């Protein structure tokens, strides 16, 4: 299967799954860059185990590539539109597992075989991308890949900043819009700050300065 040809077909006639989310009316769906879809297409083979938060062109792509795909999404309307699109375009959806609900509720209890690829592209408001990474990326096998879309947004940028610094993740692709990393470890991601000597990024520094400022301001108010 030519994955890039699949991307071409999907982008020429995408599923209009985001009209309720005020997507551009000419396409009816929020899109990432073509290169992101092509990156996914180059790495997903039939039977690959994949997961995503959010639903869109990527969901149709995973299914067209033959992945065993799990999608975490809060909207039944979006799911219904996608299934009709797949039926109309000859894309089998029998490998699609939908977990209906918000990712912060679904991912902590999700039981699934080790993942080959995980796309984080659901809610982008703080702290959801961190939650999605923490509970979803733990399910990646060693050598599995996480893709984060909309890295230009602050909450996503914070996760990308951390992964860039963590030697247990290897950067595979970066643009101003999305980033991808290979996992070089496995298992749960929970650990304390002293297990992360590599991380002293700008976000952590800004947070520390903000705490110090609040503490000083508090002393001035109450002394």
Protein backbone atom coordinates (compact mmCIF):
# COMPACT_ATOMS: atom_id res chain seq x y z
CA UNK A 1 0.00 0.00 0.00
CA UNK A 2 1.27 3.45 -0.94
CA UNK A 3 0.64 5.39 2.26
CA UNK A 4 1.42 8.74 0.69
CA UNK A 5 -1.14 8.11 -2.04
CA UNK A 6 -3.68 7.45 0.73
CA UNK A 7 -2.78 10.80 2.29
CA UNK A 8 -3.26 12.49 -1.08
CA UNK A 9 -6.74 11.00 -1.49
CA UNK A 10 -7.82 11.90 2.03
CA UNK A 11 -6.66 15.50 1.76
CA UNK A 12 -8.39 15.89 -1.59
CA UNK A 13 -11.69 14.82 -0.01
CA UNK A 14 -11.40 14.93 3.80
CA UNK A 15 -14.04 13.82 6.32
CA UNK A 16 -16.05 16.84 7.49
CA UNK A 17 -15.97 15.79 11.13
CA UNK A 18 -15.33 19.17 12.77
CA UNK A 19 -18.17 21.32 11.52
CA UNK A 20 -19.49 21.44 15.09
CA UNK A 21 -16.07 22.80 16.11
CA UNK A 22 -16.20 25.70 13.63
CA UNK A 23 -13.62 24.24 11.27
CA UNK A 24 -12.93 26.13 8.02
CA UNK A 25 -16.17 25.78 6.03
CA UNK A 26 -14.42 24.82 2.79
CA UNK A 27 -13.11 21.56 4.30
CA UNK A 28 -15.12 21.06 7.51
CA UNK A 29 -12.16 19.64 9.41
CA UNK A 30 -9.14 20.95 11.29
CA UNK A 31 -5.96 19.84 9.52
CA UNK A 32 -2.31 19.51 10.38
CA UNK A 33 0.51 19.68 7.84
CA UNK A 34 0.67 17.19 5.00
CA UNK A 35 4.13 16.15 6.20
CA UNK A 36 2.67 14.98 9.51
CA UNK A 37 0.19 12.70 7.76
CA UNK A 38 2.97 11.43 5.51
CA UNK A 39 5.17 10.76 8.54
CA UNK A 40 2.39 8.62 10.01
CA UNK A 41 1.76 6.87 6.69
CA UNK A 42 5.45 5.97 6.38
CA UNK A 43 5.42 4.25 9.78
CA UNK A 44 2.04 2.57 10.11
CA UNK A 45 1.67 -0.86 8.54
CA UNK A 46 -1.34 -3.22 8.54
CA UNK A 47 -1.95 -4.53 12.04
CA UNK A 48 0.01 -1.75 13.75
CA UNK A 49 -1.38 -0.82 17.16
CA UNK A 50 -2.18 2.89 17.24
CA UNK A 51 -3.91 5.37 19.53
CA UNK A 52 -4.98 8.98 19.17
CA UNK A 53 -6.69 11.64 21.20
CA UNK A 54 -9.03 13.57 18.96
CA UNK A 55 -10.55 12.48 15.65
CA UNK A 56 -10.09 13.72 12.11
CA UNK A 57 -8.28 13.02 8.86
CA UNK A 58 -5.71 11.12 10.90
CA UNK A 59 -8.38 8.66 12.06
CA UNK A 60 -9.38 7.86 8.50
CA UNK A 61 -5.69 7.54 7.64
CA UNK A 62 -5.00 5.03 10.42
CA UNK A 63 -7.95 2.94 9.27
CA UNK A 64 -7.04 3.13 5.58
CA UNK A 65 -3.54 1.93 6.49
CA UNK A 66 -5.01 -1.12 8.24
CA UNK A 67 -4.05 -0.22 11.81
CA UNK A 68 -5.73 -1.63 14.90
CA UNK A 69 -6.73 1.83 16.00
CA UNK A 70 -8.13 3.26 19.22
CA UNK A 71 -9.59 6.76 19.17
CA UNK A 72 -10.39 8.76 22.32
CA UNK A 73 -12.96 11.44 21.51
CA UNK A 74 -15.84 13.07 23.44
CA UNK A 75 -18.20 13.55 20.47
CA UNK A 76 -20.49 10.80 19.17
CA UNK A 77 -21.43 13.13 16.31
CA UNK A 78 -17.84 13.15 15.07
CA UNK A 79 -17.68 9.36 15.29
CA UNK A 80 -20.90 8.99 13.29
CA UNK A 81 -19.67 11.36 10.57
CA UNK A 82 -16.37 9.50 10.33
CA UNK A 83 -18.04 6.09 10.05
CA UNK A 84 -20.31 7.35 7.26
CA UNK A 85 -17.28 8.79 5.49
CA UNK A 86 -15.46 5.46 5.74
CA UNK A 87 -18.49 3.59 4.39
CA UNK A 88 -18.81 6.02 1.48
CA UNK A 89 -15.09 5.84 0.63
CA UNK A 90 -14.51 2.11 0.98
CA UNK A 91 -12.41 2.36 4.15
CA UNK A 92 -12.93 -0.55 6.54
CA UNK A 93 -13.73 0.66 10.05
CA UNK A 94 -14.01 -2.72 11.77
CA UNK A 95 -10.56 -2.20 13.31
CA UNK A 96 -11.66 1.06 14.95
CA UNK A 97 -12.15 1.05 18.72
CA UNK A 98 -13.81 4.22 19.97
CA UNK A 99 -13.43 5.26 23.59
CA UNK A 100 -16.09 7.93 23.98
CA UNK A 101 -15.23 10.52 26.59
CA UNK A 102 -12.68 13.10 27.59
CA UNK A 103 -9.11 11.88 27.51
CA UNK A 104 -8.42 12.71 31.15
CA UNK A 105 -11.21 10.28 32.08
CA UNK A 106 -10.51 7.58 29.48
CA UNK A 107 -6.72 7.25 29.32
CA UNK A 108 -6.01 6.44 32.99
CA UNK A 109 -8.25 3.35 32.77
CA UNK A 110 -7.43 2.34 29.20
CA UNK A 111 -6.18 -1.23 28.84
CA UNK A 112 -4.55 -1.93 25.50
CA UNK A 113 -1.62 -3.86 24.03
CA UNK A 114 1.68 -2.00 23.70
CA UNK A 115 1.42 0.71 21.07
CA UNK A 116 3.45 1.30 17.93
CA UNK A 117 2.33 4.91 17.42
CA UNK A 118 0.38 7.45 19.47
CA UNK A 119 -0.96 10.75 18.12
CA UNK A 120 -1.77 13.48 20.65
CA UNK A 121 -4.19 15.85 18.95
CA UNK A 122 -7.21 16.28 21.21
CA UNK A 123 -7.79 19.22 23.53
CA UNK A 124 -4.84 21.61 23.51
CA UNK A 125 -5.69 23.61 26.62
CA UNK A 126 -3.51 23.36 29.71
CA UNK A 127 -2.97 20.76 31.16
CA UNK A 128 -4.62 18.30 28.76
CA UNK A 129 -1.63 17.65 26.46
CA UNK A 130 0.47 16.79 29.53
CA UNK A 131 -2.25 14.46 30.79
CA UNK A 132 -2.57 12.84 27.36
CA UNK A 133 1.19 12.28 27.19
CA UNK A 134 1.47 10.99 30.76
CA UNK A 135 -1.33 8.43 30.52
CA UNK A 136 -1.08 7.59 26.82
CA UNK A 137 2.66 7.50 26.12
CA UNK A 138 3.20 4.99 28.95
CA UNK A 139 1.46 2.49 26.65
CA UNK A 140 4.09 2.83 23.91
CA UNK A 141 6.46 -0.08 23.42
CA UNK A 142 10.19 0.55 23.36
CA UNK A 143 10.76 1.95 19.88
CA UNK A 144 7.19 3.23 19.63
CA UNK A 145 6.53 6.75 18.39
CA UNK A 146 4.56 9.66 19.82
CA UNK A 147 3.41 12.48 17.54
CA UNK A 148 2.24 15.80 18.99
CA UNK A 149 0.30 18.22 16.82
CA UNK A 150 -0.05 21.98 17.35
CA UNK A 151 3.26 22.39 19.13
CA UNK A 152 2.96 26.15 18.61
CA UNK A 153 0.43 26.19 21.48
CA UNK A 154 1.86 26.65 24.99
CA UNK A 155 0.65 23.44 26.63
CA UNK A 156 1.86 21.28 23.74
CA UNK A 157 5.13 23.21 23.57
CA UNK A 158 5.79 22.34 27.22
CA UNK A 159 5.59 18.61 26.47
CA UNK A 160 7.81 18.98 23.39
CA UNK A 161 10.34 20.95 25.44
CA UNK A 162 10.50 18.16 28.01
CA UNK A 163 10.85 15.39 25.42
CA UNK A 164 13.59 17.33 23.64
CA UNK A 165 15.56 17.32 26.90
CA UNK A 166 14.83 13.73 27.99
CA UNK A 167 17.46 11.26 26.70
CA UNK A 168 14.87 8.49 26.90
CA UNK A 169 13.16 10.02 23.85
CA UNK A 170 14.76 10.56 20.45
CA UNK A 171 13.50 13.33 18.20
CA UNK A 172 12.45 12.06 14.78
CA UNK A 173 10.81 15.08 13.16
CA UNK A 174 10.09 18.70 14.04
CA UNK A 175 8.31 21.52 12.30
CA UNK A 176 6.72 24.65 13.72
CA UNK A 177 3.41 22.74 13.78
CA UNK A 178 4.17 19.21 15.01
CA UNK A 179 6.88 16.98 16.45
CA UNK A 180 7.56 13.25 16.71
CA UNK A 181 9.69 11.25 19.14
CA UNK A 182 10.76 7.63 19.45
CA UNK A 183 10.54 6.08 22.89
CA UNK A 184 13.81 4.50 24.03
CA UNK A 185 12.39 3.07 27.28
CA UNK A 186 9.18 1.36 28.36
CA UNK A 187 6.71 1.23 31.23
CA UNK A 188 5.13 3.90 33.40
CA UNK A 189 6.26 7.52 33.20
CA UNK A 190 5.70 8.55 36.83
CA UNK A 191 8.85 9.75 38.60
CA UNK A 192 10.03 12.51 40.90
CA UNK A 193 11.95 15.65 39.99
CA UNK A 194 15.30 14.20 41.08
CA UNK A 195 14.91 11.49 38.42
CA UNK A 196 15.00 14.23 35.77
CA UNK A 197 18.40 15.94 36.09
CA UNK A 198 18.30 16.67 32.37
CA UNK A 199 15.32 19.00 32.70
CA UNK A 200 15.90 22.63 33.57
CA UNK A 201 14.01 24.15 30.68
CA UNK A 202 12.57 27.60 30.32
CA UNK A 203 9.13 26.48 31.47
CA UNK A 204 10.51 25.14 34.74
CA UNK A 205 12.56 28.28 35.26
CA UNK A 206 9.60 30.56 34.65
CA UNK A 207 7.49 28.54 37.08
CA UNK A 208 10.20 28.70 39.75
CA UNK A 209 10.57 32.46 39.30
CA UNK A 210 6.82 32.90 39.53
CA UNK A 211 6.71 30.93 42.80
CA UNK A 212 9.56 32.99 44.22
CA UNK A 213 7.80 36.23 43.24
CA UNK A 214 4.55 35.11 44.86
CA UNK A 215 6.40 34.08 48.03
CA UNK A 216 8.14 37.47 48.28
CA UNK A 217 4.88 39.29 47.62
CA UNK A 218 3.20 37.23 50.34
CA UNK A 219 5.88 38.13 52.89
CA UNK A 220 5.45 41.81 52.11
CA UNK A 221 1.71 41.54 52.60
CA UNK A 222 1.78 39.67 55.88
CA UNK A 223 4.91 40.89 57.69
